Structures are given as structure tokens and as C-alpha cells.
N, C-alpha and C. Protein backbone atom coordinates (compact mmCIF):
# COMPACT_ATOMS: atom_id res chain seq x y z
N MET A 1 146.81 100.66 41.64
CA MET A 1 145.42 100.23 41.63
C MET A 1 144.75 100.74 40.37
N ILE A 2 143.87 99.93 39.82
CA ILE A 2 143.15 100.32 38.62
C ILE A 2 142.01 101.26 39.01
N ALA A 3 141.69 102.20 38.14
CA ALA A 3 140.60 103.14 38.41
C ALA A 3 139.29 102.51 37.99
N LEU A 4 138.46 102.15 38.95
CA LEU A 4 137.19 101.50 38.67
C LEU A 4 136.07 102.52 38.60
N PRO A 5 135.12 102.35 37.70
CA PRO A 5 133.95 103.22 37.68
C PRO A 5 133.19 103.17 39.01
N ALA A 6 132.41 104.21 39.28
CA ALA A 6 131.76 104.37 40.58
C ALA A 6 130.87 103.20 41.00
N LYS A 7 130.11 102.63 40.10
CA LYS A 7 129.14 101.59 40.48
C LYS A 7 129.67 100.17 40.32
N THR A 8 130.97 100.03 40.21
CA THR A 8 131.57 98.71 40.04
C THR A 8 131.50 97.92 41.34
N ARG A 9 131.01 96.70 41.27
CA ARG A 9 130.98 95.81 42.43
C ARG A 9 132.21 94.92 42.38
N ILE A 10 132.69 94.54 43.54
CA ILE A 10 133.87 93.68 43.64
C ILE A 10 133.44 92.40 44.33
N TRP A 11 133.67 91.28 43.67
CA TRP A 11 133.24 89.97 44.17
C TRP A 11 134.44 89.06 44.37
N ILE A 12 134.51 88.43 45.53
CA ILE A 12 135.48 87.38 45.79
C ILE A 12 134.78 86.06 45.54
N ALA A 13 135.41 85.19 44.77
CA ALA A 13 134.89 83.83 44.58
C ALA A 13 135.39 83.00 45.76
N ALA A 14 134.50 82.65 46.66
CA ALA A 14 134.88 81.89 47.85
C ALA A 14 135.42 80.52 47.45
N GLY A 15 136.26 79.97 48.30
CA GLY A 15 136.85 78.67 48.02
C GLY A 15 138.11 78.82 47.19
N VAL A 16 138.56 77.71 46.65
CA VAL A 16 139.81 77.65 45.89
C VAL A 16 139.51 77.51 44.41
N THR A 17 140.29 78.21 43.59
CA THR A 17 140.14 78.16 42.14
C THR A 17 141.43 77.66 41.52
N ASP A 18 141.32 76.86 40.48
CA ASP A 18 142.49 76.41 39.73
C ASP A 18 143.00 77.60 38.92
N LEU A 19 144.12 78.17 39.35
CA LEU A 19 144.61 79.38 38.71
C LEU A 19 145.43 79.12 37.46
N ARG A 20 145.43 77.89 36.97
CA ARG A 20 146.01 77.64 35.65
C ARG A 20 145.06 78.17 34.58
N ARG A 21 143.84 78.48 34.98
CA ARG A 21 142.85 79.01 34.04
C ARG A 21 143.21 80.44 33.64
N GLY A 22 142.82 80.78 32.43
CA GLY A 22 143.03 82.12 31.91
C GLY A 22 141.70 82.82 31.72
N PHE A 23 141.64 83.67 30.70
CA PHE A 23 140.43 84.44 30.42
C PHE A 23 139.20 83.55 30.26
N THR A 24 139.30 82.54 29.41
CA THR A 24 138.15 81.69 29.10
C THR A 24 137.70 80.88 30.31
N GLY A 25 138.62 80.24 31.00
CA GLY A 25 138.28 79.41 32.15
C GLY A 25 137.69 80.21 33.30
N LEU A 26 138.28 81.37 33.59
CA LEU A 26 137.76 82.19 34.69
C LEU A 26 136.42 82.83 34.31
N SER A 27 136.25 83.19 33.03
CA SER A 27 134.95 83.72 32.58
C SER A 27 133.86 82.66 32.73
N ALA A 28 134.19 81.41 32.39
CA ALA A 28 133.23 80.32 32.56
C ALA A 28 132.91 80.12 34.04
N GLN A 29 133.91 80.25 34.90
CA GLN A 29 133.69 80.14 36.35
C GLN A 29 132.73 81.22 36.84
N VAL A 30 132.91 82.43 36.34
CA VAL A 30 132.01 83.55 36.71
C VAL A 30 130.59 83.22 36.29
N GLN A 31 130.41 82.70 35.09
CA GLN A 31 129.07 82.42 34.58
C GLN A 31 128.41 81.24 35.28
N THR A 32 129.14 80.15 35.49
CA THR A 32 128.52 78.94 36.01
C THR A 32 128.44 78.92 37.54
N LYS A 33 129.53 79.18 38.21
CA LYS A 33 129.54 79.07 39.67
C LYS A 33 129.05 80.33 40.37
N LEU A 34 129.40 81.50 39.84
CA LEU A 34 129.01 82.76 40.49
C LEU A 34 127.71 83.31 39.94
N GLU A 35 127.25 82.74 38.81
CA GLU A 35 126.00 83.14 38.16
C GLU A 35 125.96 84.65 37.89
N GLN A 36 127.07 85.15 37.35
CA GLN A 36 127.20 86.55 36.97
C GLN A 36 127.70 86.61 35.53
N SER A 37 127.64 87.77 34.94
CA SER A 37 128.19 87.96 33.60
C SER A 37 129.60 88.52 33.73
N PRO A 38 130.59 87.89 33.11
CA PRO A 38 131.94 88.42 33.18
C PRO A 38 132.07 89.76 32.45
N PHE A 39 131.08 90.12 31.63
CA PHE A 39 131.10 91.37 30.88
C PHE A 39 130.25 92.45 31.55
N SER A 40 129.93 92.28 32.82
CA SER A 40 129.09 93.23 33.55
C SER A 40 129.86 94.47 33.99
N GLY A 41 131.19 94.41 33.97
CA GLY A 41 132.00 95.52 34.47
C GLY A 41 132.37 95.35 35.92
N HIS A 42 131.87 94.29 36.56
CA HIS A 42 132.23 94.02 37.94
C HIS A 42 133.60 93.35 37.99
N VAL A 43 134.22 93.37 39.16
CA VAL A 43 135.53 92.78 39.36
C VAL A 43 135.35 91.45 40.08
N PHE A 44 136.02 90.41 39.59
CA PHE A 44 135.93 89.08 40.19
C PHE A 44 137.33 88.65 40.62
N VAL A 45 137.46 88.25 41.89
CA VAL A 45 138.77 87.91 42.46
C VAL A 45 138.78 86.42 42.80
N PHE A 46 139.85 85.74 42.39
CA PHE A 46 140.00 84.30 42.60
C PHE A 46 141.31 84.04 43.32
N ARG A 47 141.33 83.03 44.21
CA ARG A 47 142.54 82.67 44.94
C ARG A 47 142.91 81.22 44.67
N GLY A 48 144.20 80.96 44.59
CA GLY A 48 144.70 79.60 44.38
C GLY A 48 144.74 78.81 45.68
N ARG A 49 145.13 77.56 45.58
CA ARG A 49 145.13 76.64 46.71
C ARG A 49 146.10 77.06 47.81
N ARG A 50 147.31 77.48 47.44
CA ARG A 50 148.31 77.85 48.46
C ARG A 50 147.99 79.17 49.14
N GLY A 51 147.22 80.02 48.49
CA GLY A 51 146.80 81.27 49.10
C GLY A 51 147.74 82.43 48.88
N ASP A 52 148.82 82.23 48.13
CA ASP A 52 149.76 83.34 47.91
C ASP A 52 149.59 83.97 46.52
N LEU A 53 148.63 83.48 45.73
CA LEU A 53 148.39 83.98 44.38
C LEU A 53 146.91 84.26 44.19
N ILE A 54 146.60 85.43 43.63
CA ILE A 54 145.23 85.74 43.24
C ILE A 54 145.22 86.21 41.79
N LYS A 55 144.06 86.02 41.16
CA LYS A 55 143.82 86.56 39.82
C LYS A 55 142.53 87.37 39.87
N ILE A 56 142.54 88.46 39.14
CA ILE A 56 141.39 89.38 39.09
C ILE A 56 140.94 89.49 37.65
N LEU A 57 139.65 89.26 37.42
CA LEU A 57 139.05 89.36 36.08
C LEU A 57 138.13 90.57 36.08
N TRP A 58 138.30 91.45 35.06
CA TRP A 58 137.51 92.67 34.99
C TRP A 58 137.29 93.05 33.53
N TYR A 59 136.06 93.40 33.19
CA TYR A 59 135.73 93.89 31.86
C TYR A 59 135.71 95.40 31.92
N ASP A 60 136.61 96.07 31.20
CA ASP A 60 136.73 97.53 31.28
C ASP A 60 135.91 98.28 30.24
N GLY A 61 135.09 97.57 29.48
CA GLY A 61 134.28 98.19 28.45
C GLY A 61 134.80 97.91 27.05
N ASP A 62 136.10 97.65 26.94
CA ASP A 62 136.71 97.32 25.65
C ASP A 62 137.05 95.85 25.55
N GLY A 63 137.38 95.23 26.67
CA GLY A 63 137.78 93.83 26.66
C GLY A 63 138.04 93.36 28.08
N LEU A 64 138.26 92.07 28.23
CA LEU A 64 138.54 91.51 29.54
C LEU A 64 139.99 91.79 29.93
N CYS A 65 140.18 92.12 31.20
CA CYS A 65 141.51 92.33 31.77
C CYS A 65 141.73 91.23 32.80
N LEU A 66 142.93 90.69 32.82
CA LEU A 66 143.28 89.66 33.78
C LEU A 66 144.55 90.09 34.51
N PHE A 67 144.41 90.31 35.80
CA PHE A 67 145.52 90.74 36.64
C PHE A 67 145.88 89.60 37.58
N ALA A 68 147.15 89.49 37.90
CA ALA A 68 147.60 88.47 38.85
C ALA A 68 148.55 89.12 39.84
N LYS A 69 148.51 88.64 41.09
CA LYS A 69 149.45 89.10 42.11
C LYS A 69 149.84 87.93 42.97
N ARG A 70 151.15 87.83 43.23
CA ARG A 70 151.67 86.79 44.11
C ARG A 70 152.40 87.48 45.26
N LEU A 71 152.08 87.07 46.47
CA LEU A 71 152.79 87.59 47.64
C LEU A 71 154.07 86.78 47.82
N GLU A 72 155.16 87.45 48.06
CA GLU A 72 156.43 86.76 48.30
C GLU A 72 156.46 86.15 49.70
N ARG A 73 155.77 86.79 50.64
CA ARG A 73 155.65 86.25 52.00
C ARG A 73 154.20 86.40 52.44
N GLY A 74 153.70 85.43 53.16
CA GLY A 74 152.34 85.50 53.68
C GLY A 74 151.31 84.96 52.72
N ARG A 75 150.06 85.11 53.11
CA ARG A 75 148.91 84.61 52.34
C ARG A 75 147.85 85.70 52.24
N PHE A 76 147.05 85.62 51.19
CA PHE A 76 145.90 86.52 51.06
C PHE A 76 144.82 86.06 52.02
N VAL A 77 144.20 87.00 52.73
CA VAL A 77 143.12 86.67 53.66
C VAL A 77 141.87 86.38 52.85
N TRP A 78 141.26 85.22 53.12
CA TRP A 78 140.14 84.76 52.31
C TRP A 78 138.99 84.35 53.21
N PRO A 79 137.73 84.48 52.75
CA PRO A 79 136.58 84.04 53.56
C PRO A 79 136.62 82.54 53.84
N GLN A 80 136.01 82.11 54.92
CA GLN A 80 135.98 80.70 55.31
C GLN A 80 135.03 79.88 54.43
N ALA A 81 134.07 80.53 53.78
CA ALA A 81 133.09 79.83 52.95
C ALA A 81 133.80 79.08 51.82
N THR A 82 133.23 77.95 51.43
CA THR A 82 133.83 77.14 50.36
C THR A 82 133.17 77.36 49.01
N SER A 83 132.03 78.06 48.99
CA SER A 83 131.37 78.35 47.72
C SER A 83 130.62 79.67 47.85
N GLY A 84 130.22 80.23 46.70
CA GLY A 84 129.50 81.48 46.70
C GLY A 84 130.42 82.67 46.50
N THR A 85 129.90 83.85 46.83
CA THR A 85 130.68 85.07 46.65
C THR A 85 130.62 85.92 47.91
N VAL A 86 131.58 86.81 48.02
CA VAL A 86 131.62 87.81 49.07
C VAL A 86 131.87 89.14 48.39
N SER A 87 131.10 90.15 48.75
CA SER A 87 131.26 91.47 48.15
C SER A 87 132.24 92.30 48.98
N LEU A 88 133.11 93.04 48.30
CA LEU A 88 134.09 93.90 48.95
C LEU A 88 133.90 95.34 48.53
N THR A 89 134.37 96.25 49.36
CA THR A 89 134.45 97.66 48.98
C THR A 89 135.81 97.88 48.30
N ARG A 90 135.99 99.04 47.72
CA ARG A 90 137.28 99.35 47.10
C ARG A 90 138.40 99.36 48.13
N ALA A 91 138.10 99.91 49.31
CA ALA A 91 139.11 99.95 50.38
C ALA A 91 139.50 98.53 50.80
N GLN A 92 138.51 97.64 50.91
CA GLN A 92 138.81 96.26 51.28
C GLN A 92 139.63 95.57 50.21
N LEU A 93 139.35 95.85 48.93
CA LEU A 93 140.14 95.27 47.84
C LEU A 93 141.59 95.76 47.94
N SER A 94 141.78 97.03 48.22
CA SER A 94 143.13 97.56 48.37
C SER A 94 143.87 96.86 49.50
N MET A 95 143.18 96.64 50.62
CA MET A 95 143.81 95.94 51.75
C MET A 95 144.14 94.50 51.36
N LEU A 96 143.21 93.83 50.68
CA LEU A 96 143.43 92.45 50.24
C LEU A 96 144.68 92.37 49.38
N LEU A 97 144.83 93.29 48.42
CA LEU A 97 145.97 93.27 47.52
C LEU A 97 147.29 93.54 48.23
N GLU A 98 147.22 94.21 49.38
CA GLU A 98 148.43 94.47 50.18
C GLU A 98 148.71 93.35 51.17
N GLY A 99 147.85 92.35 51.24
CA GLY A 99 148.04 91.25 52.18
C GLY A 99 147.55 91.57 53.58
N ILE A 100 146.72 92.61 53.73
CA ILE A 100 146.18 93.03 55.02
C ILE A 100 144.86 92.32 55.27
N ASP A 101 144.57 91.99 56.53
CA ASP A 101 143.29 91.37 56.87
C ASP A 101 142.17 92.40 56.69
N TRP A 102 141.44 92.31 55.60
CA TRP A 102 140.40 93.27 55.24
C TRP A 102 139.11 93.05 56.02
N ARG A 103 138.99 91.91 56.72
CA ARG A 103 137.75 91.60 57.43
C ARG A 103 137.56 92.44 58.68
N ARG A 104 138.65 92.71 59.39
CA ARG A 104 138.57 93.50 60.62
C ARG A 104 139.76 94.45 60.74
N PRO A 105 139.81 95.47 59.90
CA PRO A 105 140.93 96.41 60.03
C PRO A 105 140.82 97.17 61.35
N GLU A 106 141.94 97.42 61.98
CA GLU A 106 141.95 98.14 63.25
C GLU A 106 142.58 99.50 63.07
N ARG A 107 141.95 100.49 63.67
CA ARG A 107 142.51 101.84 63.63
C ARG A 107 143.71 101.91 64.57
N THR A 108 144.65 102.75 64.22
CA THR A 108 145.84 102.88 65.05
C THR A 108 145.61 103.85 66.21
N TRP A 109 144.51 104.59 66.17
CA TRP A 109 144.21 105.51 67.27
C TRP A 109 142.70 105.68 67.37
N GLU A 110 142.25 106.04 68.53
CA GLU A 110 140.84 106.30 68.77
C GLU A 110 140.65 107.81 68.94
N PRO A 111 139.72 108.41 68.21
CA PRO A 111 139.49 109.85 68.41
C PRO A 111 138.96 110.11 69.82
N GLN A 112 139.48 111.14 70.43
CA GLN A 112 139.07 111.52 71.78
C GLN A 112 138.37 112.87 71.73
N LEU A 113 137.41 113.03 72.59
CA LEU A 113 136.70 114.30 72.70
C LEU A 113 137.58 115.28 73.44
N SER A 114 137.89 116.39 72.83
CA SER A 114 138.69 117.39 73.52
C SER A 114 137.79 118.50 74.02
N VAL A 115 137.83 118.71 75.31
CA VAL A 115 136.97 119.71 75.93
C VAL A 115 137.81 120.78 76.58
């Protein structure tokens, strides 16, 4: 996982994105559809049509970084909305990158009061 500064926001671009796009195309998508600046230092996550590939665009202060991840099995969990953005926490981004359902993570145990 990349080390993000403390105030970095993480945005998922809802819907499907043409992942043939690179730095320029995804930056334009951030500006026009998400109405954000790609140079803000925030993280923008895009998913392809099949759902097994995502691309992440992030400005680290020196230049734009473009990361890609493809799952060999399964699909990335994505919001049902077809447009707009969804904000994630760092923990949710980590779960997303692992292919875990970040919307409703379940604890493996419930704390009990010991008396």
C-alpha cells in the first residue's frame, strides 16, 4: 500500500470507466465528470466494465502516479450508482484492493463483557 498523507481523500468514480485511458484520459475524467482537480493530492479509483481491473490516479506532489490492479479471481466490489463519487477511508481502500466487500465488513468475533 502507498503511504498517503493524513488529509488525503479517496474517491471512487461510480459507474464504469474505459480503462484504456492513461494519465491524460483519467485526469480529464476527474476534471469533467468528478469536478475535482487531479492535482489535489486526492486518490481517484476507477473500475473497468468486467469489474476485475481497477486503476488508481494520485498526485504525490511531484507528478501523477497511475496504479493498476487486476484480480485473477472475483470482482472488485463497486457502488450501485452509475455516476458521481463515493468517498472511502484508507481501511476501505485496503479492503477494496484485496477484493473484500468494503461496504459491510463483518467482525469475526463480538467483544463480550467479562464480569
